[in-house]
Amino acid sequence: MNKANMLKCIFWCFFASAVAFSASGVAIARPLNTFHQGLVELRNKKYHIAKFDFLESANHNYAPAEYMLATLYLKGVGGQVDYRDALTWYEKSARQGYTLAQRALGIMYEQGMGVPKNVDVAYYWARRAAEQHNAQAELTLGMFYVKGIGVVKSNRAAFHFFKLAAQQGNAAAEVLVGFMYEHGEGIERNYTKALHWYLASAVQGDIHAEYHAGYMYVKGMGVIRSYTKAFSLFHASAEGGDDIGEYDLGIMYEKGFAVSRNMQTAYKWFRMAAHGKYARAENQLALMYARGVGTRANHRKALKWFRMASSQGYHPASYNLKAIGNKWSKDNGG
């Protein structure tokens, strides 16, 4: 995210949260006015003045201002990045129950930003934020349970928190709920529900959800098989830059599913996915170079891409590398 977009996100997202906090009955007349002035200055890119206003408001223990001030220190807006001051103000805000600060504080401890990594503290603050129905914190807790960070691994608990976040429309959580339904992790396998959640996320433009949903349409999992719908979803995912979506779209063009067979276009998408270091695409690209399909034959490039895919542990590439390498060696009198 560039600086301009980041500032827009800070302004609009946190303004709404601050207004909600203001309505909670806290005595905030003066600090609220100063805080709002800081938001105006931030929107006008007067960063130093904005920071001064937030500081004045934060010195009156106004939690949204403490959070905003911490965020400016964390991002280095209006000055240098300062993890220590960011941590200080996030803690002040979080201890007042400000949800966004609780989540941000948990992230700092999880990632060791200006403080030694501490998964127990990270879990504590993520849990506090999740108790206030913060979707991102619920998503974080789900990942903690998947990975066993600060807690015992539990797919069931992970599913619980992912579902809570997904029900609030969190696109990333919707993908994960779909994945767990698809594979029966933490919940009984249900392809129909998996597709439902993938599509809910895809509507929001999540490129991972798009290829997952497309795959289900290709296989007819929980739905009547439809190459047309799969093609549309793969195309959206590929256009968004997802490596697997690019590869799957290449397969559609190679096989002629829902579109006229076009090896040149298939080559284009395989190449894009291969440059994203997706092993299956690297192997497919190597085959096209080896056979001169969709592009000119080039043994050197074929061997390069076979080796790259093989180095990632993709066994078909290792087999192809050996088989084709031996054939070329014999053809050249080796």
Protein backbone atom coordinates (compact mmCIF):
# COMPACT_ATOMS: atom_id res chain seq x y z
CA MET A 1 0.00 0.00 0.00
CA ASN A 2 1.47 3.39 -0.93
CA LYS A 3 1.66 6.23 1.57
CA ALA A 4 -1.35 8.11 0.20
CA ASN A 5 -3.60 5.07 0.36
CA MET A 6 -2.29 4.15 3.77
CA LEU A 7 -3.21 7.59 5.09
CA LYS A 8 -6.69 7.39 3.60
CA CYS A 9 -7.14 4.05 5.30
CA ILE A 10 -5.95 5.47 8.61
CA PHE A 11 -8.27 8.45 8.35
CA TRP A 12 -11.54 6.83 7.34
CA CYS A 13 -11.24 3.50 9.13
CA PHE A 14 -10.12 4.93 12.41
CA PHE A 15 -12.44 7.93 12.29
CA ALA A 16 -15.43 5.57 12.35
CA SER A 17 -13.91 3.61 15.23
CA ALA A 18 -13.17 6.79 17.16
CA VAL A 19 -16.72 8.04 16.78
CA ALA A 20 -18.03 4.74 18.11
CA PHE A 21 -15.67 4.98 21.07
CA SER A 22 -16.77 8.56 21.69
CA ALA A 23 -20.34 7.42 22.16
CA SER A 24 -19.35 5.05 24.96
CA GLY A 25 -19.94 7.58 27.72
CA VAL A 26 -16.30 8.57 28.25
CA ALA A 27 -15.76 12.23 29.25
CA ILE A 28 -14.06 13.47 26.12
CA ALA A 29 -15.29 16.93 25.07
CA ARG A 30 -11.92 18.71 24.81
CA PRO A 31 -9.76 15.76 23.70
CA LEU A 32 -12.40 14.77 21.16
CA ASN A 33 -12.28 18.19 19.52
CA THR A 34 -8.51 18.12 19.39
CA PHE A 35 -8.58 14.58 18.04
CA HIS A 36 -10.98 15.53 15.25
CA GLN A 37 -8.75 18.45 14.36
CA GLY A 38 -5.85 16.01 14.11
CA LEU A 39 -7.86 13.90 11.67
CA VAL A 40 -8.48 16.97 9.55
CA GLU A 41 -4.80 17.87 9.54
CA LEU A 42 -3.89 14.28 8.69
CA ARG A 43 -6.30 14.32 5.75
CA ASN A 44 -4.68 17.57 4.59
CA LYS A 45 -1.24 15.93 4.88
CA LYS A 46 -0.12 18.28 7.64
CA TYR A 47 1.48 15.42 9.48
CA HIS A 48 3.43 17.30 12.15
CA ILE A 49 0.38 19.33 13.16
CA ALA A 50 -1.75 16.20 13.17
CA LYS A 51 0.73 14.44 15.44
CA PHE A 52 0.73 17.42 17.80
CA ASP A 53 -3.08 17.38 17.98
CA PHE A 54 -3.17 13.64 18.60
CA LEU A 55 -0.54 14.03 21.32
CA GLU A 56 -2.55 16.74 23.08
CA SER A 57 -5.66 14.60 22.94
CA ALA A 58 -3.73 11.48 24.01
CA ASN A 59 -2.36 13.33 27.03
CA HIS A 60 -5.98 13.56 28.19
CA ASN A 61 -6.17 9.74 28.05
CA TYR A 62 -8.37 9.69 24.96
CA ALA A 63 -7.89 6.14 23.67
CA PRO A 64 -8.54 6.75 19.92
CA ALA A 65 -5.94 9.54 19.95
CA GLU A 66 -3.47 7.28 21.75
CA TYR A 67 -4.07 4.68 19.06
CA MET A 68 -3.64 7.15 16.20
CA LEU A 69 -0.48 8.58 17.72
CA ALA A 70 0.95 5.09 18.11
CA THR A 71 0.09 4.28 14.49
CA LEU A 72 1.88 7.39 13.24
CA TYR A 73 4.97 6.39 15.21
CA LEU A 74 4.73 2.84 13.88
CA LYS A 75 4.43 3.98 10.25
CA GLY A 76 6.91 6.86 10.54
CA VAL A 77 4.30 9.38 9.40
CA GLY A 78 5.38 12.93 10.31
CA GLY A 79 8.75 11.69 11.51
CA GLN A 80 10.88 8.60 11.97
CA VAL A 81 9.59 5.12 12.74
CA ASP A 82 9.65 4.73 16.50
CA TYR A 83 8.60 1.32 17.80
CA ARG A 84 9.15 2.27 21.44
CA ASP A 85 6.73 5.20 21.35
CA ALA A 86 4.30 3.17 19.24
CA LEU A 87 4.33 0.41 21.86
CA THR A 88 3.85 2.89 24.70
CA TRP A 89 0.80 4.54 23.19
CA TYR A 90 -0.74 1.30 21.96
CA GLU A 91 -0.49 -0.06 25.50
CA LYS A 92 -2.18 3.02 26.98
CA SER A 93 -5.00 2.76 24.47
CA ALA A 94 -5.33 -1.03 24.73
CA ARG A 95 -5.60 -0.94 28.52
CA GLN A 96 -8.58 1.36 28.13
CA GLY A 97 -10.24 -1.36 26.06
CA TYR A 98 -9.74 0.21 22.64
CA THR A 99 -10.07 -2.74 20.28
CA LEU A 100 -7.86 -1.57 17.43
CA ALA A 101 -5.02 -0.84 19.84
CA GLN A 102 -5.40 -4.27 21.43
CA ARG A 103 -5.05 -5.93 18.06
CA ALA A 104 -2.10 -3.73 17.03
CA LEU A 105 -0.34 -4.40 20.33
CA GLY A 106 -0.77 -8.12 19.84
CA ILE A 107 0.79 -7.86 16.38
CA MET A 108 3.82 -6.01 17.75
CA TYR A 109 4.45 -8.76 20.30
CA GLU A 110 3.77 -11.50 17.76
CA GLN A 111 6.25 -10.06 15.25
CA GLY A 112 8.77 -8.67 17.74
CA MET A 113 8.45 -5.08 16.56
CA GLY A 114 10.52 -3.02 19.00
CA VAL A 115 9.99 -5.64 21.67
CA PRO A 116 11.09 -9.28 22.12
CA LYS A 117 8.64 -11.72 20.55
CA ASN A 118 6.18 -13.00 23.12
CA VAL A 119 3.45 -15.26 21.82
CA ASP A 120 1.69 -15.39 25.18
CA VAL A 121 1.30 -11.63 25.29
CA ALA A 122 0.36 -11.58 21.61
CA TYR A 123 -2.35 -14.15 22.25
CA TYR A 124 -3.62 -12.23 25.29
CA TRP A 125 -4.18 -9.01 23.35
CA ALA A 126 -5.62 -10.77 20.30
CA ARG A 127 -8.06 -12.53 22.62
CA ARG A 128 -9.06 -9.25 24.26
CA ALA A 129 -9.76 -7.69 20.87
CA ALA A 130 -11.63 -10.77 19.66
CA GLU A 131 -13.86 -10.62 22.73
CA GLN A 132 -15.03 -7.27 21.36
CA HIS A 133 -15.80 -8.91 18.01
CA ASN A 134 -12.86 -7.47 16.09
CA ALA A 135 -12.81 -9.59 12.93
CA GLN A 136 -9.08 -9.22 12.31
CA ALA A 137 -8.35 -10.32 15.87
CA GLU A 138 -10.67 -13.31 15.44
CA LEU A 139 -8.78 -14.18 12.26
CA THR A 140 -5.48 -13.86 14.14
CA LEU A 141 -6.69 -16.13 16.92
CA GLY A 142 -7.73 -18.69 14.33
CA MET A 143 -4.22 -18.66 12.88
CA PHE A 144 -2.75 -19.01 16.39
CA TYR A 145 -4.76 -22.21 16.84
CA VAL A 146 -3.82 -23.52 13.38
CA LYS A 147 -0.11 -23.00 14.07
CA GLY A 148 -0.10 -23.62 17.81
CA ILE A 149 1.16 -20.11 18.63
CA GLY A 150 0.75 -19.56 22.37
CA VAL A 151 -1.90 -22.30 22.47
CA VAL A 152 -2.29 -26.00 21.77
CA LYS A 153 -3.03 -26.61 18.09
CA SER A 154 -6.72 -27.11 17.44
CA ASN A 155 -8.43 -27.04 14.06
CA ARG A 156 -11.78 -27.00 15.81
CA ALA A 157 -10.91 -23.85 17.75
CA ALA A 158 -9.37 -22.32 14.61
CA PHE A 159 -12.57 -22.97 12.68
CA HIS A 160 -14.60 -21.34 15.45
CA PHE A 161 -12.66 -18.08 15.25
CA PHE A 162 -12.43 -18.09 11.46
CA LYS A 163 -16.20 -18.54 11.30
CA LEU A 164 -16.76 -15.60 13.66
CA ALA A 165 -14.61 -13.37 11.46
CA ALA A 166 -16.20 -14.69 8.26
CA GLN A 167 -19.67 -13.93 9.57
CA GLN A 168 -18.57 -10.30 9.78
CA GLY A 169 -17.60 -10.35 6.12
CA ASN A 170 -13.84 -10.73 6.51
CA ALA A 171 -12.77 -12.00 3.08
CA ALA A 172 -9.62 -13.78 4.27
CA ALA A 173 -11.57 -15.59 6.96
CA GLU A 174 -14.24 -16.59 4.44
CA VAL A 175 -11.57 -18.32 2.34
CA LEU A 176 -10.27 -20.19 5.37
CA VAL A 177 -13.74 -21.30 6.43
CA GLY A 178 -14.31 -22.52 2.88
CA PHE A 179 -11.00 -24.38 2.93
CA MET A 180 -11.79 -26.08 6.23
CA TYR A 181 -15.22 -27.15 4.99
CA GLU A 182 -13.64 -28.44 1.77
CA HIS A 183 -11.03 -30.53 3.55
CA GLY A 184 -12.93 -31.41 6.70
CA GLU A 185 -10.50 -29.71 9.06
CA GLY A 186 -12.05 -28.75 12.38
CA ILE A 187 -15.50 -29.38 10.95
CA GLU A 188 -17.29 -32.08 8.99
CA ARG A 189 -16.48 -31.88 5.26
CA ASN A 190 -19.18 -30.09 3.31
CA TYR A 191 -18.46 -29.05 -0.29
CA THR A 192 -21.65 -27.02 -0.61
CA LYS A 193 -20.76 -24.87 2.39
CA ALA A 194 -17.15 -24.64 1.22
CA LEU A 195 -18.25 -23.23 -2.12
CA HIS A 196 -20.64 -20.83 -0.36
CA TRP A 197 -17.81 -19.28 1.63
CA TYR A 198 -15.39 -19.23 -1.30
CA LEU A 199 -17.94 -17.36 -3.40
CA ALA A 200 -18.69 -14.94 -0.55
CA SER A 201 -15.00 -14.05 -0.48
CA ALA A 202 -14.69 -14.03 -4.27
CA VAL A 203 -17.44 -11.42 -4.49
CA GLN A 204 -15.13 -9.19 -2.49
CA GLY A 205 -12.36 -9.79 -5.02
CA ASP A 206 -10.21 -12.18 -3.01
CA ILE A 207 -7.98 -13.82 -5.63
CA HIS A 208 -7.42 -16.96 -3.54
CA ALA A 209 -11.15 -17.50 -3.11
CA GLU A 210 -11.61 -17.09 -6.85
CA TYR A 211 -9.32 -19.95 -7.80
CA HIS A 212 -10.63 -22.18 -4.99
CA ALA A 213 -14.20 -21.65 -6.18
CA GLY A 214 -13.11 -22.15 -9.78
CA TYR A 215 -11.50 -25.47 -8.88
CA MET A 216 -14.74 -26.64 -7.27
CA TYR A 217 -16.66 -25.80 -10.43
CA VAL A 218 -14.12 -27.73 -12.51
CA LYS A 219 -14.44 -30.79 -10.30
CA GLY A 220 -18.17 -30.46 -9.64
CA MET A 221 -17.61 -30.38 -5.89
CA GLY A 222 -20.81 -29.32 -4.15
CA VAL A 223 -22.14 -27.95 -7.43
CA ILE A 224 -22.87 -29.01 -10.99
CA ARG A 225 -19.64 -28.90 -12.99
CA SER A 226 -19.32 -25.71 -15.02
CA TYR A 227 -16.18 -24.92 -16.99
CA THR A 228 -17.70 -21.57 -17.94
CA LYS A 229 -17.99 -20.43 -14.33
CA ALA A 230 -14.61 -21.92 -13.52
CA PHE A 231 -13.01 -20.02 -16.40
CA SER A 232 -14.53 -16.75 -15.19
CA LEU A 233 -13.24 -17.30 -11.66
CA PHE A 234 -9.77 -18.41 -12.79
CA HIS A 235 -9.55 -15.40 -15.07
CA ALA A 236 -10.40 -13.01 -12.23
CA SER A 237 -7.85 -14.68 -9.97
CA ALA A 238 -5.16 -14.59 -12.67
CA GLU A 239 -5.83 -10.95 -13.48
CA GLY A 240 -5.41 -10.25 -9.77
CA GLY A 241 -1.93 -11.79 -9.90
CA ASP A 242 -2.46 -15.08 -8.11
CA ASP A 243 0.04 -17.71 -9.29
CA ILE A 244 -2.32 -20.65 -8.97
CA GLY A 245 -5.08 -18.73 -10.73
CA GLU A 246 -2.66 -17.99 -13.57
CA TYR A 247 -1.71 -21.65 -13.80
CA ASP A 248 -5.33 -22.84 -13.76
CA LEU A 249 -6.24 -20.33 -16.45
CA GLY A 250 -3.34 -21.65 -18.53
CA ILE A 251 -4.76 -25.16 -18.16
CA MET A 252 -8.15 -23.94 -19.40
CA TYR A 253 -6.54 -22.52 -22.54
CA GLU A 254 -4.34 -25.59 -23.02
CA LYS A 255 -7.27 -28.01 -22.77
CA GLY A 256 -9.84 -25.78 -24.45
CA PHE A 257 -12.23 -25.77 -21.49
CA ALA A 258 -14.94 -23.08 -21.90
CA VAL A 259 -12.67 -21.30 -24.38
CA SER A 260 -11.05 -22.02 -27.73
CA ARG A 261 -7.82 -23.96 -27.31
CA ASN A 262 -4.92 -21.55 -27.55
CA MET A 263 -1.43 -22.77 -26.73
CA GLN A 264 0.17 -19.33 -27.07
CA THR A 265 -2.18 -17.92 -24.44
CA ALA A 266 -1.67 -21.00 -22.27
CA TYR A 267 2.09 -20.41 -22.52
CA LYS A 268 1.59 -16.77 -21.45
CA TRP A 269 -0.23 -17.72 -18.25
CA PHE A 270 2.10 -20.61 -17.41
CA ARG A 271 5.05 -18.27 -17.79
CA MET A 272 3.48 -15.69 -15.48
CA ALA A 273 2.74 -18.32 -12.85
CA ALA A 274 6.23 -19.79 -13.20
CA HIS A 275 7.80 -16.40 -12.56
CA GLY A 276 5.84 -16.43 -9.31
CA LYS A 277 7.77 -19.61 -8.42
CA TYR A 278 4.77 -21.92 -8.62
CA ALA A 279 6.34 -25.34 -9.18
CA ARG A 280 3.54 -26.88 -11.25
CA ALA A 281 3.67 -23.90 -13.62
CA GLU A 282 7.46 -24.13 -13.84
CA ASN A 283 7.14 -27.76 -14.88
CA GLN A 284 4.41 -26.96 -17.40
CA LEU A 285 6.44 -24.12 -18.87
CA ALA A 286 9.45 -26.41 -19.19
CA LEU A 287 7.35 -28.95 -21.09
CA MET A 288 6.25 -26.26 -23.53
CA TYR A 289 9.85 -25.24 -24.15
CA ALA A 290 10.87 -28.89 -24.49
CA ARG A 291 8.15 -29.64 -27.05
CA GLY A 292 8.03 -26.29 -28.80
CA VAL A 293 4.33 -25.90 -27.96
CA GLY A 294 3.00 -22.37 -27.66
CA THR A 295 6.51 -21.04 -28.06
CA ARG A 296 9.75 -21.92 -29.80
CA ALA A 297 11.53 -25.05 -28.58
CA ASN A 298 14.39 -24.15 -26.28
CA HIS A 299 16.19 -26.97 -24.52
CA ARG A 300 18.23 -24.67 -22.31
CA LYS A 301 15.12 -22.93 -20.95
CA ALA A 302 13.32 -26.26 -20.57
CA LEU A 303 16.11 -27.62 -18.42
CA LYS A 304 16.22 -24.39 -16.40
CA TRP A 305 12.52 -24.57 -15.50
CA PHE A 306 12.58 -28.32 -14.84
CA ARG A 307 15.44 -27.74 -12.41
CA MET A 308 13.62 -24.89 -10.69
CA ALA A 309 10.47 -26.97 -10.21
CA SER A 310 12.50 -29.97 -9.09
CA SER A 311 14.37 -27.88 -6.52
CA GLN A 312 11.02 -27.20 -4.87
CA GLY A 313 10.41 -30.91 -4.47
CA TYR A 314 7.95 -31.23 -7.35
CA HIS A 315 8.52 -34.87 -8.32
CA PRO A 316 7.03 -34.80 -11.87
CA ALA A 317 9.62 -32.15 -12.72
CA SER A 318 12.40 -34.32 -11.33
CA TYR A 319 11.18 -37.23 -13.46
CA ASN A 320 10.89 -35.03 -16.57
CA LEU A 321 14.32 -33.57 -15.96
CA LYS A 322 15.87 -37.03 -15.87
CA ALA A 323 13.86 -38.52 -18.74
CA ILE A 324 14.15 -35.63 -21.16
CA GLY A 325 17.72 -34.89 -20.15
CA ASN A 326 18.70 -38.49 -20.94
CA LYS A 327 16.85 -38.40 -24.27
CA TRP A 328 18.58 -35.21 -25.35
CA SER A 329 21.91 -36.63 -24.29
CA LYS A 330 21.37 -39.71 -26.48
CA ASP A 331 20.12 -37.63 -29.39
CA ASN A 332 23.34 -35.63 -29.20
CA GLY A 333 25.43 -38.79 -29.13
CA GLY A 334 26.11 -38.57 -25.43
